[in-house]
């Protein structure tokens, strides 16, 4: 389970001048109870304010400049990479950490980590503190509450009271014909199935265009290495459609950067791939639903545009969605 732990004021403040802007007896008890024996992921500033690894848990520090390694201590460049490290047996041995059977991962802030993690956490443990903080300078990111089921737990506090809430992500469901499908993001556990479907898609595209699939190319291994690496650093996202427990539709978006230019001042581009639906489920709107989700992820990442080299099979879908032909697109093959 991937969780997020935070305490926020009524006006959504989580920090002021580098500090938690309240001291309430018992308010931080839940943090210790949840994270002990598990993994806690925090930003560099949060770690440096503490000054040492928290005991009896694996500490993963997200930093692009520092390198924190030691007993119960690892460094990652992103939340996604931190999650991959927490599941890497070699990394756990290096940090001298013996995991529980069911290891949970908790994101503990600050703002940037929370914002990165909200799209894929399973639960958010939010302590609502009954106070207004003036001149707060760190806020909890906005999120779509409709995506979560909220439950209220214990309360406490003296001069300032608080109440525990747990937001559990709802499974996204949608009717397609007479079926009720679920949509969720790709996980490492899905990769073998995902890769088989990607190769099936590429094979179908090749043969439909009258080309013969090269016999000396084994894509499975290099695809797995690619997806593991880019899922970890957050530069590849994928949404899946499932009927029961079976994956019946896939999508993928890779994020790349170019020097900024007039029509894309961020320099960030989304490269769309892996759009595939099981033939028995086509013409149900599933590809459109999957496309909506990865395009939204590209927008959130800051991409100025999304590119795809469309097969003949995909042109109608992408044209209807709003993609335009670029007559100057060319490629050079080695």
C-alpha atoms as a PDB file:
ATOM      1  CA  UNK A   1       0.000   0.000   0.000  1.00  0.00           C
ATOM      2  CA  UNK A   2       1.186   3.496  -0.858  1.00  0.00           C
ATOM      3  CA  UNK A   3      -0.057   6.099   1.588  1.00  0.00           C
ATOM      4  CA  UNK A   4       0.355   9.773   2.317  1.00  0.00           C
ATOM      5  CA  UNK A   5       0.443  11.319   5.799  1.00  0.00           C
ATOM      6  CA  UNK A   6      -0.176  15.008   6.460  1.00  0.00           C
ATOM      7  CA  UNK A   7      -1.678  17.399   8.983  1.00  0.00           C
ATOM      8  CA  UNK A   8      -3.250  20.600   7.670  1.00  0.00           C
ATOM      9  CA  UNK A   9      -5.066  23.616   9.081  1.00  0.00           C
ATOM     10  CA  UNK A  10      -8.548  24.734   8.146  1.00  0.00           C
ATOM     11  CA  UNK A  11      -7.022  27.007   5.516  1.00  0.00           C
ATOM     12  CA  UNK A  12      -4.886  24.161   4.115  1.00  0.00           C
ATOM     13  CA  UNK A  13      -1.556  25.262   5.639  1.00  0.00           C
ATOM     14  CA  UNK A  14       1.010  22.544   6.366  1.00  0.00           C
ATOM     15  CA  UNK A  15       4.072  24.702   7.074  1.00  0.00           C
ATOM     16  CA  UNK A  16       5.304  28.143   8.057  1.00  0.00           C
ATOM     17  CA  UNK A  17       8.906  29.366   8.127  1.00  0.00           C
ATOM     18  CA  UNK A  18      10.176  25.823   7.758  1.00  0.00           C
ATOM     19  CA  UNK A  19       8.210  24.530  10.751  1.00  0.00           C
ATOM     20  CA  UNK A  20       4.911  22.818  11.551  1.00  0.00           C
ATOM     21  CA  UNK A  21       2.862  25.805  12.804  1.00  0.00           C
ATOM     22  CA  UNK A  22       1.337  24.047  15.846  1.00  0.00           C
ATOM     23  CA  UNK A  23       2.287  21.758  18.693  1.00  0.00           C
ATOM     24  CA  UNK A  24      -0.558  19.507  19.808  1.00  0.00           C
ATOM     25  CA  UNK A  25      -0.117  16.641  22.227  1.00  0.00           C
ATOM     26  CA  UNK A  26      -0.853  13.322  20.509  1.00  0.00           C
ATOM     27  CA  UNK A  27      -1.219  14.803  17.020  1.00  0.00           C
ATOM     28  CA  UNK A  28       1.865  13.021  15.636  1.00  0.00           C
ATOM     29  CA  UNK A  29       1.150   9.671  17.274  1.00  0.00           C
ATOM     30  CA  UNK A  30      -0.481   8.298  14.124  1.00  0.00           C
ATOM     31  CA  UNK A  31       2.627   9.037  12.050  1.00  0.00           C
ATOM     32  CA  UNK A  32       4.778   6.883  14.309  1.00  0.00           C
ATOM     33  CA  UNK A  33       2.224   4.068  14.456  1.00  0.00           C
ATOM     34  CA  UNK A  34       1.830   3.899  10.684  1.00  0.00           C
ATOM     35  CA  UNK A  35       5.445   4.262   9.597  1.00  0.00           C
ATOM     36  CA  UNK A  36       7.267   2.123  12.180  1.00  0.00           C
ATOM     37  CA  UNK A  37       8.552  -1.005  10.433  1.00  0.00           C
ATOM     38  CA  UNK A  38       7.639   0.435   7.036  1.00  0.00           C
ATOM     39  CA  UNK A  39       9.025   3.000   4.576  1.00  0.00           C
ATOM     40  CA  UNK A  40       8.808   6.763   4.971  1.00  0.00           C
ATOM     41  CA  UNK A  41       9.588   8.991   1.976  1.00  0.00           C
ATOM     42  CA  UNK A  42      10.454  12.635   2.611  1.00  0.00           C
ATOM     43  CA  UNK A  43      12.049  15.592   0.852  1.00  0.00           C
ATOM     44  CA  UNK A  44      15.563  16.841   1.477  1.00  0.00           C
ATOM     45  CA  UNK A  45      14.459  19.889   3.482  1.00  0.00           C
ATOM     46  CA  UNK A  46      12.246  17.793   5.735  1.00  0.00           C
ATOM     47  CA  UNK A  47      15.093  15.370   6.365  1.00  0.00           C
ATOM     48  CA  UNK A  48      17.619  18.103   7.113  1.00  0.00           C
ATOM     49  CA  UNK A  49      15.213  19.689   9.593  1.00  0.00           C
ATOM     50  CA  UNK A  50      15.044  16.357  11.452  1.00  0.00           C
ATOM     51  CA  UNK A  51      18.798  15.841  11.138  1.00  0.00           C
ATOM     52  CA  UNK A  52      18.879  12.041  11.278  1.00  0.00           C
ATOM     53  CA  UNK A  53      17.042   8.957   9.966  1.00  0.00           C
ATOM     54  CA  UNK A  54      13.847   8.152  11.836  1.00  0.00           C
ATOM     55  CA  UNK A  55      14.426   4.931  13.814  1.00  0.00           C
ATOM     56  CA  UNK A  56      12.799   1.553  13.122  1.00  0.00           C
ATOM     57  CA  UNK A  57      11.829   2.312   9.536  1.00  0.00           C
ATOM     58  CA  UNK A  58      13.447   2.763   6.125  1.00  0.00           C
ATOM     59  CA  UNK A  59      13.996   6.444   5.301  1.00  0.00           C
ATOM     60  CA  UNK A  60      14.121   7.361   1.603  1.00  0.00           C
ATOM     61  CA  UNK A  61      15.104  10.960   0.908  1.00  0.00           C
ATOM     62  CA  UNK A  62      14.010  12.492  -2.388  1.00  0.00           C
ATOM     63  CA  UNK A  63      16.768  14.799  -3.582  1.00  0.00           C
ATOM     64  CA  UNK A  64      18.296  15.666  -6.952  1.00  0.00           C
ATOM     65  CA  UNK A  65      21.473  17.094  -5.388  1.00  0.00           C
ATOM     66  CA  UNK A  66      22.220  15.267  -2.126  1.00  0.00           C
ATOM     67  CA  UNK A  67      23.217  11.667  -1.596  1.00  0.00           C
ATOM     68  CA  UNK A  68      22.011  10.166   1.672  1.00  0.00           C
ATOM     69  CA  UNK A  69      23.078   6.574   2.181  1.00  0.00           C
ATOM     70  CA  UNK A  70      23.511   4.564   5.339  1.00  0.00           C
ATOM     71  CA  UNK A  71      21.763   2.375   7.866  1.00  0.00           C
ATOM     72  CA  UNK A  72      18.001   2.546   7.096  1.00  0.00           C
ATOM     73  CA  UNK A  73      18.725   5.394   4.658  1.00  0.00           C
ATOM     74  CA  UNK A  74      18.513   5.692   0.856  1.00  0.00           C
ATOM     75  CA  UNK A  75      18.241   8.485  -1.710  1.00  0.00           C
ATOM     76  CA  UNK A  76      15.906   8.744  -4.719  1.00  0.00           C
ATOM     77  CA  UNK A  77      15.381  11.409  -7.378  1.00  0.00           C
ATOM     78  CA  UNK A  78      11.581  11.199  -7.369  1.00  0.00           C
ATOM     79  CA  UNK A  79       8.675   9.666  -5.495  1.00  0.00           C
ATOM     80  CA  UNK A  80       8.313   7.017  -8.201  1.00  0.00           C
ATOM     81  CA  UNK A  81      11.981   6.088  -7.868  1.00  0.00           C
ATOM     82  CA  UNK A  82      11.602   5.963  -4.070  1.00  0.00           C
ATOM     83  CA  UNK A  83       8.747   3.490  -4.467  1.00  0.00           C
ATOM     84  CA  UNK A  84      10.869   1.366  -6.813  1.00  0.00           C
ATOM     85  CA  UNK A  85      13.749   1.394  -4.279  1.00  0.00           C
ATOM     86  CA  UNK A  86      11.405   0.319  -1.486  1.00  0.00           C
ATOM     87  CA  UNK A  87      10.579  -2.771  -3.561  1.00  0.00           C
ATOM     88  CA  UNK A  88      14.186  -3.532  -4.556  1.00  0.00           C
ATOM     89  CA  UNK A  89      15.639  -6.340  -2.445  1.00  0.00           C
ATOM     90  CA  UNK A  90      19.224  -5.301  -3.179  1.00  0.00           C
ATOM     91  CA  UNK A  91      18.540  -1.702  -2.103  1.00  0.00           C
ATOM     92  CA  UNK A  92      16.902  -2.928   1.109  1.00  0.00           C
ATOM     93  CA  UNK A  93      19.962  -5.059   1.889  1.00  0.00           C
ATOM     94  CA  UNK A  94      22.232  -2.105   1.201  1.00  0.00           C
ATOM     95  CA  UNK A  95      20.285  -0.031   3.724  1.00  0.00           C
ATOM     96  CA  UNK A  96      20.288  -2.892   6.258  1.00  0.00           C
ATOM     97  CA  UNK A  97      16.499  -2.939   6.341  1.00  0.00           C
ATOM     98  CA  UNK A  98      14.478  -6.099   6.932  1.00  0.00           C
ATOM     99  CA  UNK A  99      10.964  -5.463   5.587  1.00  0.00           C
ATOM    100  CA  UNK A 100       7.707  -6.687   7.012  1.00  0.00           C
ATOM    101  CA  UNK A 101       5.767  -9.228   4.969  1.00  0.00           C
ATOM    102  CA  UNK A 102       3.350  -6.540   3.738  1.00  0.00           C
ATOM    103  CA  UNK A 103       5.509  -3.453   3.369  1.00  0.00           C
ATOM    104  CA  UNK A 104       3.719  -0.101   3.278  1.00  0.00           C
ATOM    105  CA  UNK A 105       5.176   3.085   1.830  1.00  0.00           C
ATOM    106  CA  UNK A 106       4.239   6.471   3.299  1.00  0.00           C
ATOM    107  CA  UNK A 107       4.888   9.885   1.733  1.00  0.00           C
ATOM    108  CA  UNK A 108       5.514  12.470   4.453  1.00  0.00           C
ATOM    109  CA  UNK A 109       6.111  15.689   2.508  1.00  0.00           C
ATOM    110  CA  UNK A 110       6.757  18.379   1.684  1.00  0.00           C
ATOM    111  CA  UNK A 111       4.560  20.033  -0.888  1.00  0.00           C
ATOM    112  CA  UNK A 112       6.380  18.811  -4.016  1.00  0.00           C
ATOM    113  CA  UNK A 113       6.319  15.190  -2.916  1.00  0.00           C
ATOM    114  CA  UNK A 114       2.648  15.377  -1.993  1.00  0.00           C
ATOM    115  CA  UNK A 115       1.776  16.875  -5.375  1.00  0.00           C
ATOM    116  CA  UNK A 116       3.727  14.165  -7.201  1.00  0.00           C
ATOM    117  CA  UNK A 117       2.255  11.356  -5.111  1.00  0.00           C
ATOM    118  CA  UNK A 118      -1.459  12.239  -4.975  1.00  0.00           C
ATOM    119  CA  UNK A 119      -2.277  10.799  -8.439  1.00  0.00           C
ATOM    120  CA  UNK A 120      -1.243   7.268  -7.406  1.00  0.00           C
ATOM    121  CA  UNK A 121      -1.504   6.918  -3.616  1.00  0.00           C
ATOM    122  CA  UNK A 122      -3.958   4.328  -2.355  1.00  0.00           C
ATOM    123  CA  UNK A 123      -4.783   6.190   0.866  1.00  0.00           C
ATOM    124  CA  UNK A 124      -4.293   9.648   2.348  1.00  0.00           C
ATOM    125  CA  UNK A 125      -4.166   9.944   6.143  1.00  0.00           C
ATOM    126  CA  UNK A 126      -5.067  13.588   6.688  1.00  0.00           C
ATOM    127  CA  UNK A 127      -5.238  15.079  10.165  1.00  0.00           C
ATOM    128  CA  UNK A 128      -7.555  18.096  10.042  1.00  0.00           C
ATOM    129  CA  UNK A 129      -6.312  20.638  12.596  1.00  0.00           C
ATOM    130  CA  UNK A 130      -8.969  23.056  13.835  1.00  0.00           C
ATOM    131  CA  UNK A 131      -7.012  26.270  13.451  1.00  0.00           C
ATOM    132  CA  UNK A 132      -6.378  29.036  10.927  1.00  0.00           C
ATOM    133  CA  UNK A 133      -2.720  29.826  10.241  1.00  0.00           C
ATOM    134  CA  UNK A 134      -1.917  33.339   9.142  1.00  0.00           C
ATOM    135  CA  UNK A 135       0.973  33.864   6.732  1.00  0.00           C
ATOM    136  CA  UNK A 136       1.463  30.144   6.124  1.00  0.00           C
ATOM    137  CA  UNK A 137       3.915  29.541   3.282  1.00  0.00           C
ATOM    138  CA  UNK A 138       3.441  25.831   2.512  1.00  0.00           C
ATOM    139  CA  UNK A 139       0.037  24.417   1.594  1.00  0.00           C
ATOM    140  CA  UNK A 140      -1.305  20.949   0.906  1.00  0.00           C
ATOM    141  CA  UNK A 141      -1.957  20.513  -2.848  1.00  0.00           C
ATOM    142  CA  UNK A 142      -5.507  20.592  -4.156  1.00  0.00           C
ATOM    143  CA  UNK A 143      -6.966  17.216  -5.125  1.00  0.00           C
ATOM    144  CA  UNK A 144     -10.206  15.830  -6.511  1.00  0.00           C
ATOM    145  CA  UNK A 145     -12.108  14.584  -3.476  1.00  0.00           C
ATOM    146  CA  UNK A 146     -14.534  12.701  -5.737  1.00  0.00           C
ATOM    147  CA  UNK A 147     -11.756  10.199  -6.471  1.00  0.00           C
ATOM    148  CA  UNK A 148     -11.648   9.150  -2.816  1.00  0.00           C
ATOM    149  CA  UNK A 149     -13.955   7.738  -0.159  1.00  0.00           C
ATOM    150  CA  UNK A 150     -13.589   9.720   3.056  1.00  0.00           C
ATOM    151  CA  UNK A 151     -13.878   8.220   6.540  1.00  0.00           C
ATOM    152  CA  UNK A 152     -13.587  10.088   9.818  1.00  0.00           C
ATOM    153  CA  UNK A 153     -11.717   8.601  12.759  1.00  0.00           C
ATOM    154  CA  UNK A 154     -10.567   9.646  16.224  1.00  0.00           C
ATOM    155  CA  UNK A 155     -10.299  13.218  17.466  1.00  0.00           C
ATOM    156  CA  UNK A 156      -8.072  14.813  20.082  1.00  0.00           C
ATOM    157  CA  UNK A 157      -6.266  17.935  21.182  1.00  0.00           C
ATOM    158  CA  UNK A 158      -6.730  20.442  23.988  1.00  0.00           C
ATOM    159  CA  UNK A 159      -6.403  24.121  23.125  1.00  0.00           C
ATOM    160  CA  UNK A 160      -6.358  23.157  19.447  1.00  0.00           C
ATOM    161  CA  UNK A 161      -8.394  20.123  18.438  1.00  0.00           C
ATOM    162  CA  UNK A 162      -7.856  17.773  15.508  1.00  0.00           C
ATOM    163  CA  UNK A 163      -9.677  14.943  13.789  1.00  0.00           C
ATOM    164  CA  UNK A 164      -8.256  12.044  11.790  1.00  0.00           C
ATOM    165  CA  UNK A 165      -9.575  11.407   8.282  1.00  0.00           C
ATOM    166  CA  UNK A 166      -8.679   8.672   5.801  1.00  0.00           C
ATOM    167  CA  UNK A 167      -9.222   9.149   2.080  1.00  0.00           C
ATOM    168  CA  UNK A 168      -9.250   5.820   0.223  1.00  0.00           C
ATOM    169  CA  UNK A 169      -9.030   5.941  -3.556  1.00  0.00           C
ATOM    170  CA  UNK A 170     -12.122   4.776  -5.341  1.00  0.00           C
ATOM    171  CA  UNK A 171     -11.707   2.330  -8.194  1.00  0.00           C
ATOM    172  CA  UNK A 172     -12.611   4.199 -11.352  1.00  0.00           C
ATOM    173  CA  UNK A 173     -15.407   2.335 -13.097  1.00  0.00           C
ATOM    174  CA  UNK A 174     -17.341   2.952 -16.280  1.00  0.00           C
ATOM    175  CA  UNK A 175     -19.944   1.094 -18.302  1.00  0.00           C
ATOM    176  CA  UNK A 176     -18.887  -0.128 -21.746  1.00  0.00           C
ATOM    177  CA  UNK A 177     -21.767  -1.881 -23.472  1.00  0.00           C
ATOM    178  CA  UNK A 178     -23.044  -4.430 -20.975  1.00  0.00           C
ATOM    179  CA  UNK A 179     -19.732  -4.527 -19.085  1.00  0.00           C
ATOM    180  CA  UNK A 180     -18.504  -2.526 -16.112  1.00  0.00           C
ATOM    181  CA  UNK A 181     -14.816  -1.819 -16.585  1.00  0.00           C
ATOM    182  CA  UNK A 182     -12.273  -0.477 -14.121  1.00  0.00           C
ATOM    183  CA  UNK A 183      -9.470   1.941 -14.915  1.00  0.00           C
ATOM    184  CA  UNK A 184      -6.232   2.284 -12.972  1.00  0.00           C
ATOM    185  CA  UNK A 185      -2.573   3.110 -13.481  1.00  0.00           C
ATOM    186  CA  UNK A 186       0.045   0.576 -14.518  1.00  0.00           C
ATOM    187  CA  UNK A 187       2.087  -1.017 -11.737  1.00  0.00           C
ATOM    188  CA  UNK A 188       5.289  -3.034 -11.876  1.00  0.00           C
ATOM    189  CA  UNK A 189       3.263  -6.200 -11.240  1.00  0.00           C
ATOM    190  CA  UNK A 190       1.395  -5.620 -14.540  1.00  0.00           C
ATOM    191  CA  UNK A 191       4.499  -5.301 -16.706  1.00  0.00           C
ATOM    192  CA  UNK A 192       4.703  -8.796 -18.199  1.00  0.00           C
ATOM    193  CA  UNK A 193       1.087  -8.641 -19.394  1.00  0.00           C
ATOM    194  CA  UNK A 194       1.511  -5.031 -20.522  1.00  0.00           C
ATOM    195  CA  UNK A 195       4.626  -5.884 -22.550  1.00  0.00           C
ATOM    196  CA  UNK A 196       2.926  -8.865 -24.218  1.00  0.00           C
ATOM    197  CA  UNK A 197       0.051  -6.584 -25.249  1.00  0.00           C
ATOM    198  CA  UNK A 198       2.487  -3.946 -26.525  1.00  0.00           C
ATOM    199  CA  UNK A 199       4.255  -6.536 -28.695  1.00  0.00           C
ATOM    200  CA  UNK A 200       0.871  -7.800 -29.939  1.00  0.00           C
ATOM    201  CA  UNK A 201      -0.034  -4.216 -30.863  1.00  0.00           C
ATOM    202  CA  UNK A 202       3.216  -3.644 -32.755  1.00  0.00           C
ATOM    203  CA  UNK A 203       2.874  -6.966 -34.553  1.00  0.00           C
ATOM    204  CA  UNK A 204      -0.692  -6.123 -35.570  1.00  0.00           C
ATOM    205  CA  UNK A 205       0.376  -2.730 -36.910  1.00  0.00           C
ATOM    206  CA  UNK A 206       3.292  -4.200 -38.881  1.00  0.00           C
ATOM    207  CA  UNK A 207       1.284  -6.965 -40.521  1.00  0.00           C
ATOM    208  CA  UNK A 208      -1.715  -4.708 -41.292  1.00  0.00           C
ATOM    209  CA  UNK A 209       0.628  -2.452 -43.270  1.00  0.00           C
ATOM    210  CA  UNK A 210       2.005  -5.376 -45.261  1.00  0.00           C
ATOM    211  CA  UNK A 211       5.326  -5.543 -43.444  1.00  0.00           C
ATOM    212  CA  UNK A 212       6.937  -8.630 -41.978  1.00  0.00           C
ATOM    213  CA  UNK A 213       7.912  -8.538 -38.313  1.00  0.00           C
ATOM    214  CA  UNK A 214      11.719  -8.798 -37.943  1.00  0.00           C
ATOM    215  CA  UNK A 215      12.629 -12.253 -36.648  1.00  0.00           C
ATOM    216  CA  UNK A 216      15.888 -11.248 -34.973  1.00  0.00           C
ATOM    217  CA  UNK A 217      14.439  -8.602 -32.608  1.00  0.00           C
ATOM    218  CA  UNK A 218      13.483  -9.622 -29.067  1.00  0.00           C
ATOM    219  CA  UNK A 219      11.636  -6.659 -27.583  1.00  0.00           C
ATOM    220  CA  UNK A 220      10.474  -8.142 -24.258  1.00  0.00           C
ATOM    221  CA  UNK A 221      13.710  -7.608 -22.326  1.00  0.00           C
ATOM    222  CA  UNK A 222      14.469  -4.087 -23.546  1.00  0.00           C
ATOM    223  CA  UNK A 223      10.845  -3.016 -23.074  1.00  0.00           C
ATOM    224  CA  UNK A 224      10.882  -4.201 -19.469  1.00  0.00           C
ATOM    225  CA  UNK A 225      14.127  -2.347 -18.764  1.00  0.00           C
ATOM    226  CA  UNK A 226      12.644   0.813 -20.319  1.00  0.00           C
ATOM    227  CA  UNK A 227       9.366   0.697 -18.405  1.00  0.00           C
ATOM    228  CA  UNK A 228      11.020  -0.065 -15.054  1.00  0.00           C
ATOM    229  CA  UNK A 229      13.423   2.842 -15.463  1.00  0.00           C
ATOM    230  CA  UNK A 230      10.885   5.405 -16.619  1.00  0.00           C
ATOM    231  CA  UNK A 231       8.110   4.386 -14.244  1.00  0.00           C
ATOM    232  CA  UNK A 232      10.659   4.918 -11.465  1.00  0.00           C
ATOM    233  CA  UNK A 233      11.609   8.453 -12.500  1.00  0.00           C
ATOM    234  CA  UNK A 234       8.064   9.497 -13.451  1.00  0.00           C
ATOM    235  CA  UNK A 235       8.720   9.988 -17.183  1.00  0.00           C
ATOM    236  CA  UNK A 236       6.351   7.228 -18.285  1.00  0.00           C
ATOM    237  CA  UNK A 237       2.721   6.813 -17.257  1.00  0.00           C
ATOM    238  CA  UNK A 238       0.126   4.313 -18.347  1.00  0.00           C
ATOM    239  CA  UNK A 239      -3.559   3.763 -17.693  1.00  0.00           C
ATOM    240  CA  UNK A 240      -5.117   0.319 -17.994  1.00  0.00           C
ATOM    241  CA  UNK A 241      -8.681  -0.814 -18.613  1.00  0.00           C
ATOM    242  CA  UNK A 242      -9.703  -4.047 -16.889  1.00  0.00           C
ATOM    243  CA  UNK A 243     -12.672  -6.382 -17.073  1.00  0.00           C
ATOM    244  CA  UNK A 244     -12.619  -8.155 -13.757  1.00  0.00           C
ATOM    245  CA  UNK A 245      -8.935  -8.874 -13.210  1.00  0.00           C
ATOM    246  CA  UNK A 246      -8.051  -9.058 -16.915  1.00  0.00           C
ATOM    247  CA  UNK A 247      -6.264  -6.173 -18.638  1.00  0.00           C
ATOM    248  CA  UNK A 248      -8.160  -5.518 -21.867  1.00  0.00           C
ATOM    249  CA  UNK A 249      -6.888  -2.057 -22.831  1.00  0.00           C
ATOM    250  CA  UNK A 250      -3.613  -0.170 -22.462  1.00  0.00           C
ATOM    251  CA  UNK A 251      -2.184   3.286 -23.045  1.00  0.00           C
ATOM    252  CA  UNK A 252       1.166   4.933 -22.479  1.00  0.00           C
ATOM    253  CA  UNK A 253       2.721   8.388 -22.397  1.00  0.00           C
ATOM    254  CA  UNK A 254       6.446   9.141 -22.276  1.00  0.00           C
ATOM    255  CA  UNK A 255       7.631  12.599 -21.237  1.00  0.00           C
ATOM    256  CA  UNK A 256      10.651  14.124 -22.981  1.00  0.00           C
ATOM    257  CA  UNK A 257      12.205  17.581 -23.004  1.00  0.00           C
ATOM    258  CA  UNK A 258      13.513  19.689 -25.889  1.00  0.00           C
ATOM    259  CA  UNK A 259      14.857  23.229 -25.882  1.00  0.00           C
ATOM    260  CA  UNK A 260      11.779  25.478 -25.423  1.00  0.00           C
ATOM    261  CA  UNK A 261      10.309  27.062 -28.539  1.00  0.00           C
ATOM    262  CA  UNK A 262       7.447  29.448 -29.308  1.00  0.00           C
ATOM    263  CA  UNK A 263       4.637  26.911 -29.389  1.00  0.00           C
ATOM    264  CA  UNK A 264       6.019  24.911 -26.452  1.00  0.00           C
ATOM    265  CA  UNK A 265       7.742  27.263 -23.960  1.00  0.00           C
ATOM    266  CA  UNK A 266       8.133  24.470 -21.378  1.00  0.00           C
ATOM    267  CA  UNK A 267      10.020  22.311 -23.873  1.00  0.00           C
ATOM    268  CA  UNK A 268       8.123  19.314 -22.495  1.00  0.00           C
ATOM    269  CA  UNK A 269       6.468  16.907 -24.904  1.00  0.00           C
ATOM    270  CA  UNK A 270       4.299  13.842 -24.444  1.00  0.00           C
ATOM    271  CA  UNK A 271       4.984  10.902 -26.740  1.00  0.00           C
ATOM    272  CA  UNK A 272       1.892   8.722 -26.953  1.00  0.00           C
ATOM    273  CA  UNK A 273       2.273   4.955 -27.323  1.00  0.00           C
ATOM    274  CA  UNK A 274       0.858   1.595 -26.282  1.00  0.00           C
ATOM    275  CA  UNK A 275      -2.719   2.407 -27.276  1.00  0.00           C
ATOM    276  CA  UNK A 276      -4.184  -1.070 -27.604  1.00  0.00           C
ATOM    277  CA  UNK A 277      -7.565  -2.658 -26.937  1.00  0.00           C
ATOM    278  CA  UNK A 278      -8.364  -6.362 -26.989  1.00  0.00           C
ATOM    279  CA  UNK A 279     -10.269  -6.969 -30.272  1.00  0.00           C
ATOM    280  CA  UNK A 280     -13.332  -8.283 -28.391  1.00  0.00           C
ATOM    281  CA  UNK A 281     -13.653  -4.902 -26.606  1.00  0.00           C
ATOM    282  CA  UNK A 282     -13.237  -2.505 -29.514  1.00  0.00           C
ATOM    283  CA  UNK A 283     -15.784   0.151 -30.500  1.00  0.00           C
ATOM    284  CA  UNK A 284     -16.874   0.571 -26.863  1.00  0.00           C
ATOM    285  CA  UNK A 285     -15.112   3.905 -26.266  1.00  0.00           C
ATOM    286  CA  UNK A 286     -12.343   2.305 -24.203  1.00  0.00           C
ATOM    287  CA  UNK A 287      -9.489   3.765 -26.268  1.00  0.00           C
ATOM    288  CA  UNK A 288     -11.021   7.226 -25.911  1.00  0.00           C
ATOM    289  CA  UNK A 289     -11.253   6.827 -22.127  1.00  0.00           C
ATOM    290  CA  UNK A 290      -7.639   5.697 -21.889  1.00  0.00           C
ATOM    291  CA  UNK A 291      -6.498   8.515 -24.163  1.00  0.00           C
ATOM    292  CA  UNK A 292      -8.293  11.088 -21.989  1.00  0.00           C
ATOM    293  CA  UNK A 293      -6.386   9.896 -18.932  1.00  0.00           C
ATOM    294  CA  UNK A 294      -2.850   9.917 -20.355  1.00  0.00           C
ATOM    295  CA  UNK A 295      -3.397  13.250 -22.116  1.00  0.00           C
ATOM    296  CA  UNK A 296      -4.495  14.723 -18.778  1.00  0.00           C
ATOM    297  CA  UNK A 297      -1.307  13.326 -17.197  1.00  0.00           C
ATOM    298  CA  UNK A 298       0.724  15.032 -19.937  1.00  0.00           C
ATOM    299  CA  UNK A 299      -1.060  18.310 -19.217  1.00  0.00           C
ATOM    300  CA  UNK A 300      -0.305  17.960 -15.501  1.00  0.00           C
ATOM    301  CA  UNK A 301       3.358  17.257 -16.304  1.00  0.00           C
ATOM    302  CA  UNK A 302       3.550  20.580 -18.156  1.00  0.00           C
ATOM    303  CA  UNK A 303       3.699  19.263 -21.722  1.00  0.00           C
ATOM    304  CA  UNK A 304       3.001  21.813 -24.432  1.00  0.00           C
ATOM    305  CA  UNK A 305       1.875  19.171 -26.925  1.00  0.00           C
ATOM    306  CA  UNK A 306       1.459  15.440 -27.439  1.00  0.00           C
ATOM    307  CA  UNK A 307       3.008  13.646 -30.401  1.00  0.00           C
ATOM    308  CA  UNK A 308       2.256  10.264 -31.943  1.00  0.00           C
ATOM    309  CA  UNK A 309       3.244   8.400 -35.063  1.00  0.00           C
ATOM    310  CA  UNK A 310      -0.196   7.011 -35.805  1.00  0.00           C
ATOM    311  CA  UNK A 311      -0.815   3.708 -37.523  1.00  0.00           C
ATOM    312  CA  UNK A 312      -3.534   3.488 -40.154  1.00  0.00           C
ATOM    313  CA  UNK A 313      -5.695   1.874 -37.465  1.00  0.00           C
ATOM    314  CA  UNK A 314      -5.291   4.819 -35.092  1.00  0.00           C
ATOM    315  CA  UNK A 315      -5.723   7.795 -37.422  1.00  0.00           C
ATOM    316  CA  UNK A 316      -9.509   7.996 -37.000  1.00  0.00           C
ATOM    317  CA  UNK A 317      -9.296   7.932 -33.194  1.00  0.00           C
ATOM    318  CA  UNK A 318      -6.644  10.630 -32.997  1.00  0.00           C
ATOM    319  CA  UNK A 319      -8.232  12.842 -35.658  1.00  0.00           C
ATOM    320  CA  UNK A 320     -11.572  12.707 -33.848  1.00  0.00           C
ATOM    321  CA  UNK A 321      -9.816  13.560 -30.591  1.00  0.00           C
ATOM    322  CA  UNK A 322      -8.281  16.698 -32.109  1.00  0.00           C
ATOM    323  CA  UNK A 323      -4.808  15.619 -33.234  1.00  0.00           C
ATOM    324  CA  UNK A 324      -3.622  17.372 -36.402  1.00  0.00           C
ATOM    325  CA  UNK A 325      -1.388  16.092 -39.174  1.00  0.00           C
ATOM    326  CA  UNK A 326       2.120  17.567 -39.302  1.00  0.00           C
ATOM    327  CA  UNK A 327       3.214  17.278 -42.895  1.00  0.00           C
ATOM    328  CA  UNK A 328       6.841  18.042 -42.068  1.00  0.00           C
ATOM    329  CA  UNK A 329       7.330  15.125 -39.711  1.00  0.00           C
ATOM    330  CA  UNK A 330      10.268  13.056 -40.962  1.00  0.00           C
ATOM    331  CA  UNK A 331      12.548  10.428 -39.530  1.00  0.00           C
ATOM    332  CA  UNK A 332      16.051   9.158 -40.200  1.00  0.00           C
ATOM    333  CA  UNK A 333      16.703   5.489 -39.513  1.00  0.00           C
ATOM    334  CA  UNK A 334      20.110   4.095 -38.592  1.00  0.00           C
END
